[in-house]
Amino acid sequence: MALKGLRDFVKFDAKGFLAGKQLLLMQESELKDFDSGKVIGAKLMVTIWTDDTQYKKDETSNEGSELDVKILGLTAEKVDRNNRGFIKLKNPSGVVFGDFQNQLSLKADGFDFVKERGGEN
């Protein structure tokens, strides 16, 4: 018998996952409500620039991977080479999903630009 509702009890440690990572803001786009099509915030595309996170397996790294971060209430701005920068997410949270539990949906309350060697370190 398959149990239901188990995902409600699985917690993802977003702060732990982001510890030791530098996130480079690459792009912002409008975040729209699926049903109404109304703009409800912004979706950030970030690249994990460096990954010094301590994983259980030494060879594990997510360096170079891209993440989408949803931020409700944020107005999307154009990002180009002149205003890319490293960011730190405010109150990040996430949900792991997918058949192999290798997909991540991240949300945050906002973000701040940080110095070049900043990020989540």
Protein backbone atom coordinates (compact mmCIF):
# COMPACT_ATOMS: atom_id res chain seq x y z
CA MET A 1 0.00 0.00 0.00
CA ALA A 2 1.36 3.42 -0.99
CA LEU A 3 1.19 6.09 1.70
CA LYS A 4 -0.01 9.61 0.92
CA GLY A 5 1.11 13.00 2.16
CA LEU A 6 4.65 11.97 3.05
CA ARG A 7 6.19 14.97 1.32
CA ASP A 8 4.52 17.21 3.91
CA PHE A 9 6.99 15.89 6.47
CA VAL A 10 10.19 16.16 4.44
CA LYS A 11 12.11 19.34 5.26
CA PHE A 12 14.78 20.82 3.01
CA ASP A 13 17.56 22.79 4.73
CA ALA A 14 17.92 25.63 2.21
CA LYS A 15 20.35 27.59 4.41
CA GLY A 16 22.53 24.50 4.85
CA PHE A 17 22.47 23.76 1.13
CA LEU A 18 23.42 27.35 0.26
CA ALA A 19 26.19 27.52 2.88
CA GLY A 20 29.55 27.77 1.16
CA LYS A 21 28.09 28.74 -2.22
CA GLN A 22 28.46 31.93 -4.23
CA LEU A 23 25.34 32.69 -6.26
CA LEU A 24 25.79 34.85 -9.36
CA LEU A 25 22.64 36.63 -10.56
CA MET A 26 22.31 36.02 -14.28
CA GLN A 27 18.74 37.01 -15.17
CA GLU A 28 15.42 38.20 -13.76
CA SER A 29 12.05 37.52 -15.36
CA GLU A 30 8.42 38.04 -14.42
CA LEU A 31 6.84 35.42 -12.19
CA LYS A 32 3.21 34.90 -13.20
CA ASP A 33 0.37 33.16 -11.43
CA PHE A 34 -0.36 29.92 -13.27
CA ASP A 35 -4.16 30.34 -13.25
CA SER A 36 -4.65 34.07 -13.80
CA GLY A 37 -1.49 34.98 -15.70
CA LYS A 38 -1.08 37.98 -13.37
CA VAL A 39 2.47 39.04 -12.51
CA ILE A 40 3.05 38.17 -8.84
CA GLY A 41 6.80 38.62 -8.52
CA ALA A 42 10.13 37.80 -10.14
CA LYS A 43 12.03 34.66 -10.96
CA LEU A 44 15.81 34.90 -10.64
CA MET A 45 18.12 32.66 -12.61
CA VAL A 46 21.35 32.25 -10.66
CA THR A 47 24.49 30.23 -11.28
CA ILE A 48 26.31 28.50 -8.45
CA TRP A 49 29.68 30.16 -9.07
CA THR A 50 31.58 28.34 -6.32
CA ASP A 51 30.51 25.44 -4.13
CA ASP A 52 32.47 24.90 -0.93
CA THR A 53 29.56 23.15 0.79
CA GLN A 54 30.50 20.04 2.77
CA TYR A 55 28.59 17.06 1.33
CA LYS A 56 28.59 13.46 2.57
CA LYS A 57 30.52 12.42 -0.56
CA ASP A 58 33.75 14.36 -1.09
CA GLU A 59 33.46 14.48 -4.89
CA THR A 60 29.99 16.11 -4.82
CA SER A 61 29.75 19.64 -6.19
CA ASN A 62 27.02 21.75 -7.75
CA GLU A 63 29.44 24.36 -9.08
CA GLY A 64 28.22 25.72 -12.42
CA SER A 65 24.65 24.54 -11.89
CA GLU A 66 21.76 26.93 -12.45
CA LEU A 67 18.93 27.58 -10.00
CA ASP A 68 15.64 29.42 -10.33
CA VAL A 69 14.55 31.39 -7.28
CA LYS A 70 11.00 32.72 -6.96
CA ILE A 71 10.44 35.96 -5.06
CA LEU A 72 6.87 37.14 -4.59
CA GLY A 73 6.29 40.91 -4.84
CA LEU A 74 9.63 41.68 -6.51
CA THR A 75 9.60 43.60 -9.79
CA ALA A 76 11.87 41.96 -12.35
CA GLU A 77 14.68 44.15 -13.68
CA LYS A 78 16.89 43.68 -16.71
CA VAL A 79 20.22 42.10 -15.82
CA ASP A 80 23.17 42.53 -18.16
CA ARG A 81 26.93 42.19 -17.88
CA ASN A 82 27.19 45.59 -16.19
CA ASN A 83 24.90 44.78 -13.25
CA ARG A 84 25.47 41.08 -12.62
CA GLY A 85 26.68 40.36 -9.15
CA PHE A 86 26.84 37.89 -6.34
CA ILE A 87 23.74 37.74 -4.20
CA LYS A 88 22.61 36.42 -0.83
CA LEU A 89 19.03 35.23 -0.51
CA LYS A 90 16.80 36.46 2.32
CA ASN A 91 15.01 33.66 4.18
CA PRO A 92 15.43 30.97 1.51
CA SER A 93 13.24 27.89 1.53
CA GLY A 94 13.03 24.99 -0.84
CA VAL A 95 11.32 21.80 -1.84
CA VAL A 96 13.04 18.80 -3.41
CA PHE A 97 10.98 17.01 -6.04
CA GLY A 98 11.21 14.78 -9.09
CA ASP A 99 11.35 11.03 -9.69
CA PHE A 100 14.94 10.90 -8.46
CA GLN A 101 14.55 13.72 -5.89
CA ASN A 102 17.15 15.76 -7.80
CA GLN A 103 15.07 18.84 -8.64
CA LEU A 104 14.87 21.89 -6.39
CA SER A 105 12.26 24.63 -6.15
CA LEU A 106 13.63 27.63 -4.23
CA LYS A 107 11.79 30.64 -2.85
CA ALA A 108 13.10 33.64 -0.95
CA ASP A 109 11.79 36.85 0.59
CA GLY A 110 14.32 38.90 -1.40
CA PHE A 111 18.04 39.20 -2.00
CA ASP A 112 20.99 41.50 -1.41
CA PHE A 113 24.02 42.08 -3.60
CA VAL A 114 27.25 41.18 -1.80
CA LYS A 115 30.96 41.79 -2.34
CA GLU A 116 32.79 39.69 -4.93
CA ARG A 117 33.90 37.05 -2.40
CA GLY A 118 30.55 37.22 -0.61
CA GLY A 119 27.65 34.98 -1.45
CA GLU A 120 26.38 32.54 1.11
CA ASN A 121 29.87 32.01 2.59
